[in-house]
């Protein structure tokens, strides 16, 4: 498999057996400046890191058995901590200091979004650091995936009974941090519908993860002014992950931007016509203010967003 397009034809069962690292880097390779990435080299590196963690676990677990109450009496929670410690102190992974608390982030460098960046430079963002945790956990046979928290990403362990959220960007700041859903919802201002809709704070399925990776590509394309490619990426990403609230906003903003160049202001389809169209579609008489649409457009066109890492 040499391009991510082949993944689109896979069944859900087939995608479940695809290495998340390979999935991520196949999308990365479709960005022209990353076309030369050697995925096998990154896969071999991830295999070595996973083997190191696996070798270290029996020794480290002696600590768990001495004081299991410090680890929620859950050996799997402890193992996640071992992985975080390894990536920080042995692999020397840390959050990119320039982007940890930035309110305005433009991803003009696609390596800030994809695994090659964090594995090469050992510095990353919430996107590629969380994916790295997922890729190593997947190799260890753990039930881990990405979870969205607005524009932020965490590694989420979910075995069907217990869930743990792992803050990947804690690497470089103490190694291991696991916040409950309630804390993350409050910190990031998630309304109840963000969770009940299946958008946020849920372990993503492989197809949805692929959608997130396409969203990464779209974000880079948008931040470098390649609007047409960004729109196509966000629309495909939404098709793969239709419950995503953030991909909905990103795709809508790009679609509205295209509409601005296709219609004159009075025409149906122009930005000015949207309030009336929305009212007609919803079948209600509530006014929809153009300002709300303009906020979405402004944020997605200029890159003004909440903190993302």
C-alpha atoms as a PDB file:
ATOM      1  CA  UNK A   1       0.000   0.000   0.000  1.00  0.00           C
ATOM      2  CA  UNK A   2       1.721   3.166  -1.192  1.00  0.00           C
ATOM      3  CA  UNK A   3      -0.940   5.875  -0.862  1.00  0.00           C
ATOM      4  CA  UNK A   4      -3.783   6.646   1.493  1.00  0.00           C
ATOM      5  CA  UNK A   5      -6.326   6.317  -1.318  1.00  0.00           C
ATOM      6  CA  UNK A   6      -6.086   2.552  -0.983  1.00  0.00           C
ATOM      7  CA  UNK A   7      -7.236   2.870   2.626  1.00  0.00           C
ATOM      8  CA  UNK A   8     -10.520   4.422   1.527  1.00  0.00           C
ATOM      9  CA  UNK A   9     -11.552   1.153  -0.079  1.00  0.00           C
ATOM     10  CA  UNK A  10     -10.826  -0.926   3.023  1.00  0.00           C
ATOM     11  CA  UNK A  11     -13.611  -2.315   5.171  1.00  0.00           C
ATOM     12  CA  UNK A  12     -13.828  -1.364   8.833  1.00  0.00           C
ATOM     13  CA  UNK A  13     -12.443  -4.784   9.731  1.00  0.00           C
ATOM     14  CA  UNK A  14      -9.485  -4.342   7.383  1.00  0.00           C
ATOM     15  CA  UNK A  15      -8.735  -0.852   8.692  1.00  0.00           C
ATOM     16  CA  UNK A  16      -8.650  -2.204  12.242  1.00  0.00           C
ATOM     17  CA  UNK A  17      -5.541  -4.174  11.236  1.00  0.00           C
ATOM     18  CA  UNK A  18      -3.754  -1.213   9.636  1.00  0.00           C
ATOM     19  CA  UNK A  19      -0.904   0.277  11.663  1.00  0.00           C
ATOM     20  CA  UNK A  20      -1.962   3.792  12.792  1.00  0.00           C
ATOM     21  CA  UNK A  21       1.589   4.943  12.060  1.00  0.00           C
ATOM     22  CA  UNK A  22       1.345   3.774   8.476  1.00  0.00           C
ATOM     23  CA  UNK A  23      -2.104   5.332   8.113  1.00  0.00           C
ATOM     24  CA  UNK A  24      -0.794   8.660   9.392  1.00  0.00           C
ATOM     25  CA  UNK A  25       2.328   8.718   7.248  1.00  0.00           C
ATOM     26  CA  UNK A  26       0.529   7.639   4.075  1.00  0.00           C
ATOM     27  CA  UNK A  27      -1.531  10.808   4.411  1.00  0.00           C
ATOM     28  CA  UNK A  28       1.622  12.791   5.216  1.00  0.00           C
ATOM     29  CA  UNK A  29       3.324  11.521   2.048  1.00  0.00           C
ATOM     30  CA  UNK A  30       0.534  13.056  -0.022  1.00  0.00           C
ATOM     31  CA  UNK A  31       1.782  16.510   1.000  1.00  0.00           C
ATOM     32  CA  UNK A  32       4.276  17.411  -1.752  1.00  0.00           C
ATOM     33  CA  UNK A  33       7.156  18.401   0.545  1.00  0.00           C
ATOM     34  CA  UNK A  34       6.845  15.073   2.424  1.00  0.00           C
ATOM     35  CA  UNK A  35       6.525  12.832  -0.621  1.00  0.00           C
ATOM     36  CA  UNK A  36       9.946  11.284   0.032  1.00  0.00           C
ATOM     37  CA  UNK A  37       9.157   9.932   3.505  1.00  0.00           C
ATOM     38  CA  UNK A  38      10.357   6.357   4.059  1.00  0.00           C
ATOM     39  CA  UNK A  39       7.545   4.863   6.130  1.00  0.00           C
ATOM     40  CA  UNK A  40       9.494   1.667   6.812  1.00  0.00           C
ATOM     41  CA  UNK A  41      12.168   3.613   8.714  1.00  0.00           C
ATOM     42  CA  UNK A  42       9.574   5.154  11.015  1.00  0.00           C
ATOM     43  CA  UNK A  43       7.836   1.827  11.456  1.00  0.00           C
ATOM     44  CA  UNK A  44      11.112   0.182  12.462  1.00  0.00           C
ATOM     45  CA  UNK A  45      11.781   2.950  14.979  1.00  0.00           C
ATOM     46  CA  UNK A  46       8.313   2.550  16.497  1.00  0.00           C
ATOM     47  CA  UNK A  47       8.827  -1.217  16.639  1.00  0.00           C
ATOM     48  CA  UNK A  48      12.068  -0.706  18.596  1.00  0.00           C
ATOM     49  CA  UNK A  49      10.432   1.677  21.054  1.00  0.00           C
ATOM     50  CA  UNK A  50       7.528  -0.726  21.590  1.00  0.00           C
ATOM     51  CA  UNK A  51       9.942  -3.613  22.131  1.00  0.00           C
ATOM     52  CA  UNK A  52      11.835  -1.554  24.718  1.00  0.00           C
ATOM     53  CA  UNK A  53       8.613  -0.800  26.596  1.00  0.00           C
ATOM     54  CA  UNK A  54       7.560  -4.461  26.456  1.00  0.00           C
ATOM     55  CA  UNK A  55      10.926  -5.539  27.827  1.00  0.00           C
ATOM     56  CA  UNK A  56      10.810  -2.996  30.638  1.00  0.00           C
ATOM     57  CA  UNK A  57       7.226  -3.706  31.782  1.00  0.00           C
ATOM     58  CA  UNK A  58       7.864  -6.826  33.952  1.00  0.00           C
ATOM     59  CA  UNK A  59      10.494  -4.951  35.950  1.00  0.00           C
ATOM     60  CA  UNK A  60       8.463  -1.756  36.254  1.00  0.00           C
ATOM     61  CA  UNK A  61       5.345  -3.632  37.323  1.00  0.00           C
ATOM     62  CA  UNK A  62       6.989  -4.557  40.603  1.00  0.00           C
ATOM     63  CA  UNK A  63       6.305  -0.968  41.638  1.00  0.00           C
ATOM     64  CA  UNK A  64       2.631  -1.368  40.797  1.00  0.00           C
ATOM     65  CA  UNK A  65       2.247  -4.498  42.887  1.00  0.00           C
ATOM     66  CA  UNK A  66       3.840  -2.744  45.870  1.00  0.00           C
ATOM     67  CA  UNK A  67       1.435   0.226  45.779  1.00  0.00           C
ATOM     68  CA  UNK A  68      -1.462  -0.549  43.406  1.00  0.00           C
ATOM     69  CA  UNK A  69      -3.668   2.079  45.093  1.00  0.00           C
ATOM     70  CA  UNK A  70      -1.440   4.798  43.610  1.00  0.00           C
ATOM     71  CA  UNK A  71      -2.454   3.572  40.168  1.00  0.00           C
ATOM     72  CA  UNK A  72      -6.216   3.197  40.587  1.00  0.00           C
ATOM     73  CA  UNK A  73      -5.616  -0.511  41.304  1.00  0.00           C
ATOM     74  CA  UNK A  74      -5.428  -0.895  37.527  1.00  0.00           C
ATOM     75  CA  UNK A  75      -2.355  -2.520  35.991  1.00  0.00           C
ATOM     76  CA  UNK A  76      -3.298  -1.142  32.575  1.00  0.00           C
ATOM     77  CA  UNK A  77      -3.313   2.400  33.926  1.00  0.00           C
ATOM     78  CA  UNK A  78       0.164   1.774  35.327  1.00  0.00           C
ATOM     79  CA  UNK A  79       1.369   0.428  31.974  1.00  0.00           C
ATOM     80  CA  UNK A  80       0.180   3.588  30.246  1.00  0.00           C
ATOM     81  CA  UNK A  81       2.306   5.507  32.721  1.00  0.00           C
ATOM     82  CA  UNK A  82       5.320   3.358  31.842  1.00  0.00           C
ATOM     83  CA  UNK A  83       4.805   4.168  28.157  1.00  0.00           C
ATOM     84  CA  UNK A  84       4.614   7.900  28.900  1.00  0.00           C
ATOM     85  CA  UNK A  85       7.741   7.730  31.032  1.00  0.00           C
ATOM     86  CA  UNK A  86       9.612   5.846  28.325  1.00  0.00           C
ATOM     87  CA  UNK A  87       8.696   8.296  25.568  1.00  0.00           C
ATOM     88  CA  UNK A  88       9.747  11.253  27.692  1.00  0.00           C
ATOM     89  CA  UNK A  89      12.904  10.015  29.376  1.00  0.00           C
ATOM     90  CA  UNK A  90      14.210   7.340  27.004  1.00  0.00           C
ATOM     91  CA  UNK A  91      12.987   8.469  23.584  1.00  0.00           C
ATOM     92  CA  UNK A  92      13.409  12.135  24.686  1.00  0.00           C
ATOM     93  CA  UNK A  93      10.031  13.186  23.299  1.00  0.00           C
ATOM     94  CA  UNK A  94       8.742  16.578  24.456  1.00  0.00           C
ATOM     95  CA  UNK A  95       6.100  19.097  23.498  1.00  0.00           C
ATOM     96  CA  UNK A  96       7.174  21.851  21.131  1.00  0.00           C
ATOM     97  CA  UNK A  97       7.686  24.751  23.531  1.00  0.00           C
ATOM     98  CA  UNK A  98       6.723  27.343  20.912  1.00  0.00           C
ATOM     99  CA  UNK A  99       3.311  25.785  20.357  1.00  0.00           C
ATOM    100  CA  UNK A 100       2.320  24.438  23.763  1.00  0.00           C
ATOM    101  CA  UNK A 101       0.253  27.443  24.844  1.00  0.00           C
ATOM    102  CA  UNK A 102      -0.073  29.425  21.632  1.00  0.00           C
ATOM    103  CA  UNK A 103      -3.469  30.923  20.880  1.00  0.00           C
ATOM    104  CA  UNK A 104      -2.641  31.321  17.194  1.00  0.00           C
ATOM    105  CA  UNK A 105      -0.998  28.402  15.430  1.00  0.00           C
ATOM    106  CA  UNK A 106      -0.430  28.162  11.704  1.00  0.00           C
ATOM    107  CA  UNK A 107       0.710  24.778  10.518  1.00  0.00           C
ATOM    108  CA  UNK A 108       2.775  25.894   7.560  1.00  0.00           C
ATOM    109  CA  UNK A 109       5.171  23.040   8.328  1.00  0.00           C
ATOM    110  CA  UNK A 110       3.220  19.782   7.883  1.00  0.00           C
ATOM    111  CA  UNK A 111       5.753  17.910  10.018  1.00  0.00           C
ATOM    112  CA  UNK A 112       4.243  19.682  13.031  1.00  0.00           C
ATOM    113  CA  UNK A 113       1.092  17.657  12.367  1.00  0.00           C
ATOM    114  CA  UNK A 114       2.350  14.228  11.333  1.00  0.00           C
ATOM    115  CA  UNK A 115       4.409  11.507  13.010  1.00  0.00           C
ATOM    116  CA  UNK A 116       7.576  12.118  11.013  1.00  0.00           C
ATOM    117  CA  UNK A 117       7.980  15.477  12.763  1.00  0.00           C
ATOM    118  CA  UNK A 118       7.867  14.233  16.341  1.00  0.00           C
ATOM    119  CA  UNK A 119       9.916  11.118  15.556  1.00  0.00           C
ATOM    120  CA  UNK A 120      12.634  13.064  13.718  1.00  0.00           C
ATOM    121  CA  UNK A 121      12.953  16.104  15.975  1.00  0.00           C
ATOM    122  CA  UNK A 122      11.629  14.545  19.200  1.00  0.00           C
ATOM    123  CA  UNK A 123       9.417  17.627  19.541  1.00  0.00           C
ATOM    124  CA  UNK A 124       5.731  17.595  18.722  1.00  0.00           C
ATOM    125  CA  UNK A 125       2.210  18.922  19.138  1.00  0.00           C
ATOM    126  CA  UNK A 126      -0.974  17.385  20.515  1.00  0.00           C
ATOM    127  CA  UNK A 127      -1.746  15.869  17.115  1.00  0.00           C
ATOM    128  CA  UNK A 128       1.426  13.963  16.353  1.00  0.00           C
ATOM    129  CA  UNK A 129       2.318  13.257  20.006  1.00  0.00           C
ATOM    130  CA  UNK A 130      -1.053  11.662  20.738  1.00  0.00           C
ATOM    131  CA  UNK A 131      -0.775   9.621  17.534  1.00  0.00           C
ATOM    132  CA  UNK A 132       2.676   8.441  18.614  1.00  0.00           C
ATOM    133  CA  UNK A 133       1.234   7.153  21.901  1.00  0.00           C
ATOM    134  CA  UNK A 134      -1.500   5.385  19.942  1.00  0.00           C
ATOM    135  CA  UNK A 135       0.996   3.857  17.490  1.00  0.00           C
ATOM    136  CA  UNK A 136       3.165   2.433  20.278  1.00  0.00           C
ATOM    137  CA  UNK A 137       0.156   1.239  22.274  1.00  0.00           C
ATOM    138  CA  UNK A 138      -1.235  -0.446  19.158  1.00  0.00           C
ATOM    139  CA  UNK A 139       2.027  -2.368  18.810  1.00  0.00           C
ATOM    140  CA  UNK A 140       1.699  -3.520  22.408  1.00  0.00           C
ATOM    141  CA  UNK A 141      -1.798  -4.804  21.731  1.00  0.00           C
ATOM    142  CA  UNK A 142      -3.509  -2.222  23.937  1.00  0.00           C
ATOM    143  CA  UNK A 143      -7.019  -0.873  23.169  1.00  0.00           C
ATOM    144  CA  UNK A 144      -5.932   2.719  22.508  1.00  0.00           C
ATOM    145  CA  UNK A 145      -7.042   5.306  19.991  1.00  0.00           C
ATOM    146  CA  UNK A 146      -7.277   9.038  19.494  1.00  0.00           C
ATOM    147  CA  UNK A 147      -9.967  11.102  21.181  1.00  0.00           C
ATOM    148  CA  UNK A 148     -10.927  14.668  20.281  1.00  0.00           C
ATOM    149  CA  UNK A 149     -11.327  17.462  22.782  1.00  0.00           C
ATOM    150  CA  UNK A 150     -12.328  20.315  20.465  1.00  0.00           C
ATOM    151  CA  UNK A 151      -9.116  20.907  18.477  1.00  0.00           C
ATOM    152  CA  UNK A 152      -7.024  19.116  21.067  1.00  0.00           C
ATOM    153  CA  UNK A 153      -6.188  15.395  20.935  1.00  0.00           C
ATOM    154  CA  UNK A 154      -5.470  12.858  23.630  1.00  0.00           C
ATOM    155  CA  UNK A 155      -4.630   9.172  23.584  1.00  0.00           C
ATOM    156  CA  UNK A 156      -7.625   7.281  24.971  1.00  0.00           C
ATOM    157  CA  UNK A 157      -7.537   3.810  26.477  1.00  0.00           C
ATOM    158  CA  UNK A 158     -10.909   2.057  26.303  1.00  0.00           C
ATOM    159  CA  UNK A 159     -11.263  -1.657  26.952  1.00  0.00           C
ATOM    160  CA  UNK A 160     -15.061  -1.530  27.030  1.00  0.00           C
ATOM    161  CA  UNK A 161     -15.151  -1.271  30.827  1.00  0.00           C
ATOM    162  CA  UNK A 162     -12.629   1.388  31.832  1.00  0.00           C
ATOM    163  CA  UNK A 163     -11.375   4.478  30.030  1.00  0.00           C
ATOM    164  CA  UNK A 164      -8.254   6.571  30.614  1.00  0.00           C
ATOM    165  CA  UNK A 165      -7.301   9.806  28.853  1.00  0.00           C
ATOM    166  CA  UNK A 166      -3.556  10.264  28.378  1.00  0.00           C
ATOM    167  CA  UNK A 167      -2.279  13.805  27.882  1.00  0.00           C
ATOM    168  CA  UNK A 168       0.526  13.236  25.389  1.00  0.00           C
ATOM    169  CA  UNK A 169       1.783  16.835  25.527  1.00  0.00           C
ATOM    170  CA  UNK A 170       2.735  16.340  29.166  1.00  0.00           C
ATOM    171  CA  UNK A 171       5.986  14.810  27.893  1.00  0.00           C
ATOM    172  CA  UNK A 172       8.713  17.217  28.896  1.00  0.00           C
ATOM    173  CA  UNK A 173       6.603  18.497  31.792  1.00  0.00           C
ATOM    174  CA  UNK A 174       6.440  15.512  34.094  1.00  0.00           C
ATOM    175  CA  UNK A 175       5.690  12.556  31.869  1.00  0.00           C
ATOM    176  CA  UNK A 176       2.307  11.190  32.871  1.00  0.00           C
ATOM    177  CA  UNK A 177      -1.003  13.016  33.158  1.00  0.00           C
ATOM    178  CA  UNK A 178      -4.451  11.459  32.923  1.00  0.00           C
ATOM    179  CA  UNK A 179      -7.504  13.690  33.236  1.00  0.00           C
ATOM    180  CA  UNK A 180     -11.095  12.476  33.627  1.00  0.00           C
ATOM    181  CA  UNK A 181     -13.714  13.386  31.050  1.00  0.00           C
ATOM    182  CA  UNK A 182     -15.350  15.865  33.416  1.00  0.00           C
ATOM    183  CA  UNK A 183     -12.146  17.863  33.817  1.00  0.00           C
ATOM    184  CA  UNK A 184     -11.442  17.965  30.083  1.00  0.00           C
ATOM    185  CA  UNK A 185     -15.011  18.979  29.279  1.00  0.00           C
ATOM    186  CA  UNK A 186     -14.770  21.882  31.715  1.00  0.00           C
ATOM    187  CA  UNK A 187     -11.282  22.958  30.684  1.00  0.00           C
ATOM    188  CA  UNK A 188     -12.061  23.019  26.971  1.00  0.00           C
ATOM    189  CA  UNK A 189     -15.616  24.240  27.305  1.00  0.00           C
ATOM    190  CA  UNK A 190     -17.260  21.188  25.777  1.00  0.00           C
ATOM    191  CA  UNK A 191     -21.066  21.370  25.810  1.00  0.00           C
ATOM    192  CA  UNK A 192     -22.958  18.130  26.496  1.00  0.00           C
ATOM    193  CA  UNK A 193     -23.828  17.723  22.799  1.00  0.00           C
ATOM    194  CA  UNK A 194     -20.123  17.481  21.940  1.00  0.00           C
ATOM    195  CA  UNK A 195     -20.030  14.222  23.876  1.00  0.00           C
ATOM    196  CA  UNK A 196     -23.534  12.883  23.250  1.00  0.00           C
ATOM    197  CA  UNK A 197     -23.135  13.381  19.489  1.00  0.00           C
ATOM    198  CA  UNK A 198     -20.063  11.143  19.409  1.00  0.00           C
ATOM    199  CA  UNK A 199     -17.695  13.929  18.416  1.00  0.00           C
ATOM    200  CA  UNK A 200     -15.527  14.366  21.507  1.00  0.00           C
ATOM    201  CA  UNK A 201     -14.144  12.323  24.392  1.00  0.00           C
ATOM    202  CA  UNK A 202     -14.636   9.007  22.631  1.00  0.00           C
ATOM    203  CA  UNK A 203     -12.104   6.501  21.309  1.00  0.00           C
ATOM    204  CA  UNK A 204     -12.163   6.939  17.553  1.00  0.00           C
ATOM    205  CA  UNK A 205     -12.604   4.062  15.171  1.00  0.00           C
ATOM    206  CA  UNK A 206      -9.833   3.535  12.579  1.00  0.00           C
ATOM    207  CA  UNK A 207     -11.875   5.118   9.774  1.00  0.00           C
ATOM    208  CA  UNK A 208     -12.515   8.163  11.946  1.00  0.00           C
ATOM    209  CA  UNK A 209      -8.806   8.391  12.762  1.00  0.00           C
ATOM    210  CA  UNK A 210      -8.107   8.415   9.039  1.00  0.00           C
ATOM    211  CA  UNK A 211     -10.556  11.304   8.806  1.00  0.00           C
ATOM    212  CA  UNK A 212      -8.602  13.169  11.478  1.00  0.00           C
ATOM    213  CA  UNK A 213      -5.374  12.642   9.517  1.00  0.00           C
ATOM    214  CA  UNK A 214      -7.044  14.016   6.379  1.00  0.00           C
ATOM    215  CA  UNK A 215      -8.101  16.948   8.538  1.00  0.00           C
ATOM    216  CA  UNK A 216      -4.438  17.479   9.469  1.00  0.00           C
ATOM    217  CA  UNK A 217      -3.611  17.657   5.773  1.00  0.00           C
ATOM    218  CA  UNK A 218      -6.479  20.068   5.196  1.00  0.00           C
ATOM    219  CA  UNK A 219      -5.270  22.250   8.047  1.00  0.00           C
ATOM    220  CA  UNK A 220      -1.824  22.515   6.468  1.00  0.00           C
ATOM    221  CA  UNK A 221      -3.297  23.252   3.056  1.00  0.00           C
ATOM    222  CA  UNK A 222      -5.528  25.961   4.502  1.00  0.00           C
ATOM    223  CA  UNK A 223      -2.711  27.529   6.507  1.00  0.00           C
ATOM    224  CA  UNK A 224      -0.575  27.726   3.360  1.00  0.00           C
ATOM    225  CA  UNK A 225      -3.353  29.262   1.258  1.00  0.00           C
ATOM    226  CA  UNK A 226      -4.212  26.207  -0.865  1.00  0.00           C
ATOM    227  CA  UNK A 227      -7.925  26.654  -0.401  1.00  0.00           C
ATOM    228  CA  UNK A 228      -9.186  24.199  -3.026  1.00  0.00           C
ATOM    229  CA  UNK A 229      -7.090  21.343  -1.649  1.00  0.00           C
ATOM    230  CA  UNK A 230      -8.098  22.261   1.898  1.00  0.00           C
ATOM    231  CA  UNK A 231     -11.776  22.120   0.997  1.00  0.00           C
ATOM    232  CA  UNK A 232     -11.407  18.708  -0.644  1.00  0.00           C
ATOM    233  CA  UNK A 233      -9.486  17.382   2.364  1.00  0.00           C
ATOM    234  CA  UNK A 234     -11.998  18.642   4.915  1.00  0.00           C
ATOM    235  CA  UNK A 235     -14.963  17.311   2.950  1.00  0.00           C
ATOM    236  CA  UNK A 236     -13.368  13.864   2.669  1.00  0.00           C
ATOM    237  CA  UNK A 237     -12.377  14.004   6.337  1.00  0.00           C
ATOM    238  CA  UNK A 238     -16.001  14.751   7.255  1.00  0.00           C
ATOM    239  CA  UNK A 239     -17.172  11.814   5.155  1.00  0.00           C
ATOM    240  CA  UNK A 240     -14.859   9.544   7.141  1.00  0.00           C
ATOM    241  CA  UNK A 241     -15.702  11.102  10.503  1.00  0.00           C
ATOM    242  CA  UNK A 242     -19.166  12.655  10.075  1.00  0.00           C
ATOM    243  CA  UNK A 243     -19.727  13.174  13.805  1.00  0.00           C
ATOM    244  CA  UNK A 244     -16.733  15.476  14.183  1.00  0.00           C
ATOM    245  CA  UNK A 245     -17.825  18.956  15.192  1.00  0.00           C
ATOM    246  CA  UNK A 246     -14.458  20.485  14.343  1.00  0.00           C
ATOM    247  CA  UNK A 247     -14.279  18.939  10.891  1.00  0.00           C
ATOM    248  CA  UNK A 248     -17.809  20.228  10.312  1.00  0.00           C
ATOM    249  CA  UNK A 249     -16.685  23.790  11.090  1.00  0.00           C
ATOM    250  CA  UNK A 250     -13.539  23.473   8.966  1.00  0.00           C
ATOM    251  CA  UNK A 251     -15.384  21.979   5.990  1.00  0.00           C
ATOM    252  CA  UNK A 252     -18.209  24.506   6.206  1.00  0.00           C
ATOM    253  CA  UNK A 253     -15.797  27.428   6.296  1.00  0.00           C
ATOM    254  CA  UNK A 254     -13.981  26.251   3.174  1.00  0.00           C
ATOM    255  CA  UNK A 255     -17.253  25.573   1.379  1.00  0.00           C
ATOM    256  CA  UNK A 256     -18.555  29.042   2.243  1.00  0.00           C
ATOM    257  CA  UNK A 257     -15.343  30.546   0.984  1.00  0.00           C
ATOM    258  CA  UNK A 258     -15.769  28.794  -2.353  1.00  0.00           C
ATOM    259  CA  UNK A 259     -19.384  29.950  -2.494  1.00  0.00           C
ATOM    260  CA  UNK A 260     -18.257  33.539  -2.086  1.00  0.00           C
ATOM    261  CA  UNK A 261     -16.470  33.257  -5.427  1.00  0.00           C
ATOM    262  CA  UNK A 262     -19.328  31.475  -7.208  1.00  0.00           C
ATOM    263  CA  UNK A 263     -22.307  33.711  -6.429  1.00  0.00           C
ATOM    264  CA  UNK A 264     -23.162  37.378  -6.505  1.00  0.00           C
ATOM    265  CA  UNK A 265     -24.308  38.724  -3.106  1.00  0.00           C
ATOM    266  CA  UNK A 266     -28.070  38.682  -3.873  1.00  0.00           C
ATOM    267  CA  UNK A 267     -28.059  35.145  -5.314  1.00  0.00           C
ATOM    268  CA  UNK A 268     -29.178  32.019  -3.562  1.00  0.00           C
ATOM    269  CA  UNK A 269     -25.946  30.340  -2.514  1.00  0.00           C
ATOM    270  CA  UNK A 270     -24.143  33.548  -1.595  1.00  0.00           C
ATOM    271  CA  UNK A 271     -23.171  34.313   1.984  1.00  0.00           C
ATOM    272  CA  UNK A 272     -25.951  36.889   2.225  1.00  0.00           C
ATOM    273  CA  UNK A 273     -28.555  34.246   1.362  1.00  0.00           C
ATOM    274  CA  UNK A 274     -27.497  31.756   4.037  1.00  0.00           C
ATOM    275  CA  UNK A 275     -29.732  32.971   6.895  1.00  0.00           C
ATOM    276  CA  UNK A 276     -32.859  32.545   4.777  1.00  0.00           C
ATOM    277  CA  UNK A 277     -31.701  29.207   3.409  1.00  0.00           C
ATOM    278  CA  UNK A 278     -31.021  27.865   6.880  1.00  0.00           C
ATOM    279  CA  UNK A 279     -34.425  28.971   8.091  1.00  0.00           C
ATOM    280  CA  UNK A 280     -36.053  27.226   5.136  1.00  0.00           C
ATOM    281  CA  UNK A 281     -34.114  24.014   5.738  1.00  0.00           C
ATOM    282  CA  UNK A 282     -34.906  23.971   9.442  1.00  0.00           C
ATOM    283  CA  UNK A 283     -38.502  24.950   8.920  1.00  0.00           C
ATOM    284  CA  UNK A 284     -38.482  27.486  11.732  1.00  0.00           C
ATOM    285  CA  UNK A 285     -38.873  31.234  11.997  1.00  0.00           C
ATOM    286  CA  UNK A 286     -35.925  31.988  14.227  1.00  0.00           C
ATOM    287  CA  UNK A 287     -33.501  34.493  12.710  1.00  0.00           C
ATOM    288  CA  UNK A 288     -30.007  33.270  11.907  1.00  0.00           C
ATOM    289  CA  UNK A 289     -27.540  36.092  12.102  1.00  0.00           C
ATOM    290  CA  UNK A 290     -24.908  36.469   9.390  1.00  0.00           C
ATOM    291  CA  UNK A 291     -22.412  37.488  12.085  1.00  0.00           C
ATOM    292  CA  UNK A 292     -22.314  33.919  13.378  1.00  0.00           C
ATOM    293  CA  UNK A 293     -21.320  32.696   9.947  1.00  0.00           C
ATOM    294  CA  UNK A 294     -18.729  35.443   9.648  1.00  0.00           C
ATOM    295  CA  UNK A 295     -17.121  34.331  12.918  1.00  0.00           C
ATOM    296  CA  UNK A 296     -16.714  30.815  11.546  1.00  0.00           C
ATOM    297  CA  UNK A 297     -15.284  32.162   8.316  1.00  0.00           C
ATOM    298  CA  UNK A 298     -12.919  34.522  10.086  1.00  0.00           C
ATOM    299  CA  UNK A 299     -11.593  31.848  12.384  1.00  0.00           C
ATOM    300  CA  UNK A 300     -10.984  29.289   9.671  1.00  0.00           C
ATOM    301  CA  UNK A 301      -9.590  31.709   7.096  1.00  0.00           C
ATOM    302  CA  UNK A 302      -7.167  33.446   9.427  1.00  0.00           C
ATOM    303  CA  UNK A 303      -6.211  30.592  11.737  1.00  0.00           C
ATOM    304  CA  UNK A 304      -7.560  32.322  14.856  1.00  0.00           C
ATOM    305  CA  UNK A 305      -8.512  29.459  17.170  1.00  0.00           C
ATOM    306  CA  UNK A 306      -8.353  28.321  20.727  1.00  0.00           C
ATOM    307  CA  UNK A 307      -5.161  26.889  22.122  1.00  0.00           C
ATOM    308  CA  UNK A 308      -4.565  23.595  20.354  1.00  0.00           C
ATOM    309  CA  UNK A 309      -1.748  21.795  22.144  1.00  0.00           C
END
